[in-house]
Amino acid sequence: MSHATNTDILKRLRRAEGHLATVVRMVAESRDGLTIAQQMQAVIKALEKTKQMLILDHIDHHLGEAGPLPPEVQQKIAEFREITKYL
């Protein structure tokens, strides 16, 4: 599967885009700094989660093309996938 056709990734990017548009509007309207910062945090979290999904999708897509893998390789891939949550 291409990353461009992964609907979950596209949905999350659109959500982040909506949050960012809200931040831009709030700044233009001279809204409260705390409220703007909260919206900015929503943008950051949305992008971080999307980045993690993209990386996992990339791992699954490209390693999945390799065919059946031995159990020890599958275990290493599982560990690699697990560490991506710290990106």
C-alpha atoms as a PDB file:
ATOM      1  CA  MET A   1       0.000   0.000   0.000  1.00  0.00           C
ATOM      2  CA  SER A   2       1.236   3.448  -0.857  1.00  0.00           C
ATOM      3  CA  HIS A   3       1.352   6.011   1.922  1.00  0.00           C
ATOM      4  CA  ALA A   4      -0.757   8.249  -0.308  1.00  0.00           C
ATOM      5  CA  THR A   5      -3.594   5.714  -0.251  1.00  0.00           C
ATOM      6  CA  ASN A   6      -3.517   5.117   3.501  1.00  0.00           C
ATOM      7  CA  THR A   7      -6.792   6.753   4.522  1.00  0.00           C
ATOM      8  CA  ASP A   8      -5.866   6.853   8.224  1.00  0.00           C
ATOM      9  CA  ILE A   9      -2.758   8.898   7.493  1.00  0.00           C
ATOM     10  CA  LEU A  10      -4.650  11.244   5.196  1.00  0.00           C
ATOM     11  CA  LYS A  11      -7.424  11.720   7.789  1.00  0.00           C
ATOM     12  CA  ARG A  12      -4.916  12.577  10.484  1.00  0.00           C
ATOM     13  CA  LEU A  13      -3.102  15.035   8.239  1.00  0.00           C
ATOM     14  CA  ARG A  14      -6.373  16.736   7.384  1.00  0.00           C
ATOM     15  CA  ARG A  15      -7.222  16.956  11.078  1.00  0.00           C
ATOM     16  CA  ALA A  16      -3.841  18.567  11.783  1.00  0.00           C
ATOM     17  CA  GLU A  17      -4.435  20.928   8.871  1.00  0.00           C
ATOM     18  CA  GLY A  18      -7.757  21.948  10.417  1.00  0.00           C
ATOM     19  CA  HIS A  19      -6.135  22.555  13.792  1.00  0.00           C
ATOM     20  CA  LEU A  20      -3.423  24.658  12.155  1.00  0.00           C
ATOM     21  CA  ALA A  21      -5.996  26.730  10.262  1.00  0.00           C
ATOM     22  CA  THR A  22      -7.690  27.370  13.593  1.00  0.00           C
ATOM     23  CA  VAL A  23      -4.391  28.510  15.121  1.00  0.00           C
ATOM     24  CA  VAL A  24      -3.755  30.913  12.236  1.00  0.00           C
ATOM     25  CA  ARG A  25      -7.259  32.349  12.597  1.00  0.00           C
ATOM     26  CA  MET A  26      -6.869  32.681  16.364  1.00  0.00           C
ATOM     27  CA  VAL A  27      -3.578  34.567  16.000  1.00  0.00           C
ATOM     28  CA  ALA A  28      -5.105  36.874  13.370  1.00  0.00           C
ATOM     29  CA  GLU A  29      -7.984  37.556  15.771  1.00  0.00           C
ATOM     30  CA  SER A  30      -5.546  38.313  18.635  1.00  0.00           C
ATOM     31  CA  ARG A  31      -7.036  35.548  20.773  1.00  0.00           C
ATOM     32  CA  ASP A  32      -5.728  34.569  24.200  1.00  0.00           C
ATOM     33  CA  GLY A  33      -2.202  33.110  24.211  1.00  0.00           C
ATOM     34  CA  LEU A  34      -3.136  30.138  26.383  1.00  0.00           C
ATOM     35  CA  THR A  35      -5.926  29.125  24.039  1.00  0.00           C
ATOM     36  CA  ILE A  36      -3.623  29.477  21.035  1.00  0.00           C
ATOM     37  CA  ALA A  37      -0.942  27.389  22.751  1.00  0.00           C
ATOM     38  CA  GLN A  38      -3.502  24.661  23.464  1.00  0.00           C
ATOM     39  CA  GLN A  39      -4.492  24.559  19.795  1.00  0.00           C
ATOM     40  CA  MET A  40      -0.840  24.510  18.762  1.00  0.00           C
ATOM     41  CA  GLN A  41      -0.308  21.509  21.024  1.00  0.00           C
ATOM     42  CA  ALA A  42      -3.179  19.757  19.253  1.00  0.00           C
ATOM     43  CA  VAL A  43      -1.409  20.373  15.917  1.00  0.00           C
ATOM     44  CA  ILE A  44       1.870  19.027  17.266  1.00  0.00           C
ATOM     45  CA  LYS A  45       0.271  15.886  18.731  1.00  0.00           C
ATOM     46  CA  ALA A  46      -1.669  15.215  15.541  1.00  0.00           C
ATOM     47  CA  LEU A  47       1.508  15.471  13.472  1.00  0.00           C
ATOM     48  CA  GLU A  48       3.521  13.316  15.885  1.00  0.00           C
ATOM     49  CA  LYS A  49       0.915  10.552  15.788  1.00  0.00           C
ATOM     50  CA  THR A  50       0.705  10.774  12.017  1.00  0.00           C
ATOM     51  CA  LYS A  51       4.487  10.567  11.720  1.00  0.00           C
ATOM     52  CA  GLN A  52       4.483   7.415  13.833  1.00  0.00           C
ATOM     53  CA  MET A  53       1.729   5.885  11.691  1.00  0.00           C
ATOM     54  CA  LEU A  54       3.638   6.737   8.526  1.00  0.00           C
ATOM     55  CA  ILE A  55       6.821   5.103   9.827  1.00  0.00           C
ATOM     56  CA  LEU A  56       4.965   1.954  10.894  1.00  0.00           C
ATOM     57  CA  ASP A  57       3.188   1.841   7.540  1.00  0.00           C
ATOM     58  CA  HIS A  58       6.548   2.172   5.816  1.00  0.00           C
ATOM     59  CA  ILE A  59       8.052  -0.668   7.873  1.00  0.00           C
ATOM     60  CA  ASP A  60       5.087  -2.951   7.227  1.00  0.00           C
ATOM     61  CA  HIS A  61       4.900  -2.115   3.536  1.00  0.00           C
ATOM     62  CA  HIS A  62       8.554  -2.574   2.680  1.00  0.00           C
ATOM     63  CA  LEU A  63       9.305  -5.524   4.923  1.00  0.00           C
ATOM     64  CA  GLY A  64       6.067  -7.181   3.891  1.00  0.00           C
ATOM     65  CA  GLU A  65       7.390  -7.292   0.339  1.00  0.00           C
ATOM     66  CA  ALA A  66      10.237  -9.522   1.524  1.00  0.00           C
ATOM     67  CA  GLY A  67       7.897 -12.491   1.871  1.00  0.00           C
ATOM     68  CA  PRO A  68       7.670 -14.878   4.818  1.00  0.00           C
ATOM     69  CA  LEU A  69      10.261 -14.062   7.458  1.00  0.00           C
ATOM     70  CA  PRO A  70      11.860 -16.346  10.048  1.00  0.00           C
ATOM     71  CA  PRO A  71      10.496 -15.966  13.601  1.00  0.00           C
ATOM     72  CA  GLU A  72      13.675 -14.315  14.909  1.00  0.00           C
ATOM     73  CA  VAL A  73      13.454 -11.656  12.183  1.00  0.00           C
ATOM     74  CA  GLN A  74       9.759 -11.146  12.942  1.00  0.00           C
ATOM     75  CA  GLN A  75      10.693 -10.617  16.611  1.00  0.00           C
ATOM     76  CA  LYS A  76      13.317  -8.008  15.680  1.00  0.00           C
ATOM     77  CA  ILE A  77      10.767  -6.198  13.498  1.00  0.00           C
ATOM     78  CA  ALA A  78       8.269  -6.228  16.376  1.00  0.00           C
ATOM     79  CA  GLU A  79      10.917  -4.662  18.636  1.00  0.00           C
ATOM     80  CA  PHE A  80      11.707  -2.071  15.967  1.00  0.00           C
ATOM     81  CA  ARG A  81       8.008  -1.213  15.633  1.00  0.00           C
ATOM     82  CA  GLU A  82       7.749  -0.865  19.420  1.00  0.00           C
ATOM     83  CA  ILE A  83      10.628   1.600  19.663  1.00  0.00           C
ATOM     84  CA  THR A  84       8.993   3.915  17.110  1.00  0.00           C
ATOM     85  CA  LYS A  85       6.659   5.177  19.820  1.00  0.00           C
ATOM     86  CA  TYR A  86       9.630   7.146  21.161  1.00  0.00           C
ATOM     87  CA  LEU A  87      10.121   9.090  17.931  1.00  0.00           C
END
